[in-house]
Amino acid sequence: LGLAGAFVFLVEERPRFTVCGQPFFTGQPQEELLFVCAAALLAYGLADDEFIVMSNGYGGSLLHKDLAVVGVAVFYAALRPSSVHSLEHMFASIWTFGALFLFIHLGARIE
């Protein structure tokens, strides 16, 4: 929740960031998509035994990397519901090309 909250704060405050008197961000929805991806990648990287140690009694971590990414996405959507639909459309357009690439490469490896 803290990671998603920090990124929501950054998304909401991004028009105020300036470099040499010029705005650093344009306020486009694509910037918010990059913020969400950055939060998910950061959560994925931090959800490791070396950074977040929560023992389950068997020597492993209770926080799985994929679960950390889903948690960030859920909390981000809960904290910023106004942007969920635009982000959904952007991810759908990205997935169209990703699916083509994935299935072409999988089909080429099947014998």
C-alpha atoms as a PDB file:
ATOM      1  CA  LEU A   1       0.000   0.000   0.000  1.00  0.00           C
ATOM      2  CA  GLY A   2       2.852   2.363   0.796  1.00  0.00           C
ATOM      3  CA  LEU A   3       4.511   1.849  -2.581  1.00  0.00           C
ATOM      4  CA  ALA A   4       1.256   2.391  -4.478  1.00  0.00           C
ATOM      5  CA  GLY A   5       0.465   5.432  -2.341  1.00  0.00           C
ATOM      6  CA  ALA A   6       3.862   6.949  -3.066  1.00  0.00           C
ATOM      7  CA  PHE A   7       3.397   6.506  -6.798  1.00  0.00           C
ATOM      8  CA  VAL A   8      -0.138   7.935  -6.663  1.00  0.00           C
ATOM      9  CA  PHE A   9       1.323  10.978  -4.907  1.00  0.00           C
ATOM     10  CA  LEU A  10       3.968  11.309  -7.632  1.00  0.00           C
ATOM     11  CA  VAL A  11       1.352  10.996 -10.381  1.00  0.00           C
ATOM     12  CA  GLU A  12      -0.858  13.650  -8.826  1.00  0.00           C
ATOM     13  CA  GLU A  13       2.037  16.027  -8.175  1.00  0.00           C
ATOM     14  CA  ARG A  14       3.864  15.542 -11.486  1.00  0.00           C
ATOM     15  CA  PRO A  15       2.633  18.823 -13.068  1.00  0.00           C
ATOM     16  CA  ARG A  16       4.490  20.706 -10.311  1.00  0.00           C
ATOM     17  CA  PHE A  17       7.913  19.215 -11.125  1.00  0.00           C
ATOM     18  CA  THR A  18      10.030  21.713 -13.018  1.00  0.00           C
ATOM     19  CA  VAL A  19      13.566  21.696 -14.365  1.00  0.00           C
ATOM     20  CA  CYS A  20      15.118  25.102 -15.037  1.00  0.00           C
ATOM     21  CA  GLY A  21      11.672  26.685 -14.838  1.00  0.00           C
ATOM     22  CA  GLN A  22      10.183  24.356 -17.458  1.00  0.00           C
ATOM     23  CA  PRO A  23       7.662  21.622 -16.589  1.00  0.00           C
ATOM     24  CA  PHE A  24       9.312  18.198 -16.597  1.00  0.00           C
ATOM     25  CA  PHE A  25       6.112  16.218 -17.245  1.00  0.00           C
ATOM     26  CA  THR A  26       3.410  17.032 -19.782  1.00  0.00           C
ATOM     27  CA  GLY A  27       0.493  15.467 -17.906  1.00  0.00           C
ATOM     28  CA  GLN A  28      -0.267  12.924 -20.638  1.00  0.00           C
ATOM     29  CA  PRO A  29      -1.901   9.608 -19.660  1.00  0.00           C
ATOM     30  CA  GLN A  30       1.129   7.747 -21.030  1.00  0.00           C
ATOM     31  CA  GLU A  31       3.188   9.181 -18.180  1.00  0.00           C
ATOM     32  CA  GLU A  32       0.789   7.616 -15.694  1.00  0.00           C
ATOM     33  CA  LEU A  33       1.176   4.287 -17.499  1.00  0.00           C
ATOM     34  CA  LEU A  34       4.942   4.553 -17.051  1.00  0.00           C
ATOM     35  CA  PHE A  35       4.490   5.352 -13.347  1.00  0.00           C
ATOM     36  CA  VAL A  36       2.307   2.258 -12.874  1.00  0.00           C
ATOM     37  CA  CYS A  37       4.843   0.089 -14.711  1.00  0.00           C
ATOM     38  CA  ALA A  38       7.663   1.534 -12.613  1.00  0.00           C
ATOM     39  CA  ALA A  39       5.757   0.820  -9.386  1.00  0.00           C
ATOM     40  CA  ALA A  40       5.077  -2.751 -10.511  1.00  0.00           C
ATOM     41  CA  LEU A  41       8.718  -3.337 -11.474  1.00  0.00           C
ATOM     42  CA  LEU A  42       9.908  -1.883  -8.187  1.00  0.00           C
ATOM     43  CA  ALA A  43       7.519  -4.127  -6.228  1.00  0.00           C
ATOM     44  CA  TYR A  44       8.679  -7.132  -8.245  1.00  0.00           C
ATOM     45  CA  GLY A  45      12.296  -6.334  -7.506  1.00  0.00           C
ATOM     46  CA  LEU A  46      11.759  -5.673  -3.808  1.00  0.00           C
ATOM     47  CA  ALA A  47       9.680  -8.806  -3.193  1.00  0.00           C
ATOM     48  CA  ASP A  48      12.707 -10.941  -2.526  1.00  0.00           C
ATOM     49  CA  ASP A  49      14.034 -12.698   0.546  1.00  0.00           C
ATOM     50  CA  GLU A  50      16.953 -10.295   0.680  1.00  0.00           C
ATOM     51  CA  PHE A  51      14.818  -7.139   0.930  1.00  0.00           C
ATOM     52  CA  ILE A  52      11.546  -8.155   2.574  1.00  0.00           C
ATOM     53  CA  VAL A  53      12.037 -10.977   5.043  1.00  0.00           C
ATOM     54  CA  MET A  54       8.797 -12.490   6.277  1.00  0.00           C
ATOM     55  CA  SER A  55       9.437 -16.080   7.199  1.00  0.00           C
ATOM     56  CA  ASN A  56       6.685 -18.625   6.745  1.00  0.00           C
ATOM     57  CA  GLY A  57       8.422 -21.216   8.907  1.00  0.00           C
ATOM     58  CA  TYR A  58       9.837 -23.096   5.939  1.00  0.00           C
ATOM     59  CA  GLY A  59      12.663 -20.732   5.064  1.00  0.00           C
ATOM     60  CA  GLY A  60      10.827 -18.910   2.265  1.00  0.00           C
ATOM     61  CA  SER A  61       9.258 -15.524   1.951  1.00  0.00           C
ATOM     62  CA  LEU A  62       5.535 -14.925   2.392  1.00  0.00           C
ATOM     63  CA  LEU A  63       5.585 -12.192  -0.256  1.00  0.00           C
ATOM     64  CA  HIS A  64       5.642 -13.675  -3.733  1.00  0.00           C
ATOM     65  CA  LYS A  65       6.898 -11.449  -6.558  1.00  0.00           C
ATOM     66  CA  ASP A  66       3.766 -11.828  -8.680  1.00  0.00           C
ATOM     67  CA  LEU A  67       1.533 -11.158  -5.692  1.00  0.00           C
ATOM     68  CA  ALA A  68       3.458  -7.947  -4.992  1.00  0.00           C
ATOM     69  CA  VAL A  69       2.780  -6.719  -8.542  1.00  0.00           C
ATOM     70  CA  VAL A  70      -0.930  -7.552  -8.287  1.00  0.00           C
ATOM     71  CA  GLY A  71      -1.100  -5.842  -4.894  1.00  0.00           C
ATOM     72  CA  VAL A  72       0.419  -2.643  -6.259  1.00  0.00           C
ATOM     73  CA  ALA A  73      -2.037  -2.658  -9.168  1.00  0.00           C
ATOM     74  CA  VAL A  74      -5.054  -3.223  -6.906  1.00  0.00           C
ATOM     75  CA  PHE A  75      -4.078  -0.512  -4.437  1.00  0.00           C
ATOM     76  CA  TYR A  76      -3.227   1.891  -7.258  1.00  0.00           C
ATOM     77  CA  ALA A  77      -6.670   1.329  -8.770  1.00  0.00           C
ATOM     78  CA  ALA A  78      -8.302   1.829  -5.365  1.00  0.00           C
ATOM     79  CA  LEU A  79      -6.416   5.072  -4.707  1.00  0.00           C
ATOM     80  CA  ARG A  80      -6.864   6.514  -8.201  1.00  0.00           C
ATOM     81  CA  PRO A  81     -10.089   5.108  -9.713  1.00  0.00           C
ATOM     82  CA  SER A  82     -10.447   7.956 -12.214  1.00  0.00           C
ATOM     83  CA  SER A  83      -7.524   6.719 -14.279  1.00  0.00           C
ATOM     84  CA  VAL A  84      -8.313   3.003 -14.330  1.00  0.00           C
ATOM     85  CA  HIS A  85     -10.228   3.015 -17.629  1.00  0.00           C
ATOM     86  CA  SER A  86      -7.617   4.974 -19.571  1.00  0.00           C
ATOM     87  CA  LEU A  87      -4.846   2.726 -18.235  1.00  0.00           C
ATOM     88  CA  GLU A  88      -6.900  -0.346 -19.138  1.00  0.00           C
ATOM     89  CA  HIS A  89      -7.168   0.820 -22.748  1.00  0.00           C
ATOM     90  CA  MET A  90      -3.434   1.545 -22.947  1.00  0.00           C
ATOM     91  CA  PHE A  91      -2.522  -1.869 -21.520  1.00  0.00           C
ATOM     92  CA  ALA A  92      -4.973  -3.518 -23.959  1.00  0.00           C
ATOM     93  CA  SER A  93      -3.265  -1.883 -26.932  1.00  0.00           C
ATOM     94  CA  ILE A  94       0.150  -2.945 -25.634  1.00  0.00           C
ATOM     95  CA  TRP A  95      -1.082  -6.500 -25.030  1.00  0.00           C
ATOM     96  CA  THR A  96      -2.285  -6.752 -28.649  1.00  0.00           C
ATOM     97  CA  PHE A  97       1.269  -6.416 -29.937  1.00  0.00           C
ATOM     98  CA  GLY A  98       2.701  -8.439 -27.063  1.00  0.00           C
ATOM     99  CA  ALA A  99       0.321 -11.335 -27.779  1.00  0.00           C
ATOM    100  CA  LEU A 100       1.239 -11.332 -31.453  1.00  0.00           C
ATOM    101  CA  PHE A 101       4.937 -11.417 -30.595  1.00  0.00           C
ATOM    102  CA  LEU A 102       4.452 -14.110 -27.941  1.00  0.00           C
ATOM    103  CA  PHE A 103       2.344 -16.467 -30.041  1.00  0.00           C
ATOM    104  CA  ILE A 104       4.501 -16.083 -33.141  1.00  0.00           C
ATOM    105  CA  HIS A 105       7.604 -17.033 -31.147  1.00  0.00           C
ATOM    106  CA  LEU A 106       5.843 -19.890 -29.371  1.00  0.00           C
ATOM    107  CA  GLY A 107       4.534 -21.197 -32.698  1.00  0.00           C
ATOM    108  CA  ALA A 108       7.990 -21.077 -34.228  1.00  0.00           C
ATOM    109  CA  ARG A 109       9.416 -23.290 -31.450  1.00  0.00           C
ATOM    110  CA  ILE A 110       6.755 -25.997 -31.593  1.00  0.00           C
ATOM    111  CA  GLU A 111       7.909 -29.016 -33.578  1.00  0.00           C
END
